Amino acid sequence: MSWNDDDFGHDAEHRAQYADIDSDSENLGKARILGETNKAVRARLDRSGMTLWIPKSVIHDDSPAWKVNDYDDLIVKTWWAKKERLV
């Protein structure tokens, strides 16, 4: 699934908010950042209920969710999302 697929009822305004994010990124949907280390964050993904460690190096620079207690869209690099079978 590409980050701009509208499986979650996002309207045009929501999609436009992330229009500058490159096509090599995937929006994993809403996520709560539960914890972090120097190199990774622990996140719970709303759409699957899955909790996992995500390397900070694969989180997109413009991802709204990236630090502890954030609850927003989590955007990561496509190659990593595919490797982890999240898309």
Foldseek 3Di string as FASTA:
>chain_A
DWQQDCPPPDDPVVSVVCVPPDRQKHWLWWWAFAQDDPFWTWIQRPVVRDTDIDGLVFWDPPAQDDHHGDTGITMGGNVVCVVVVSD
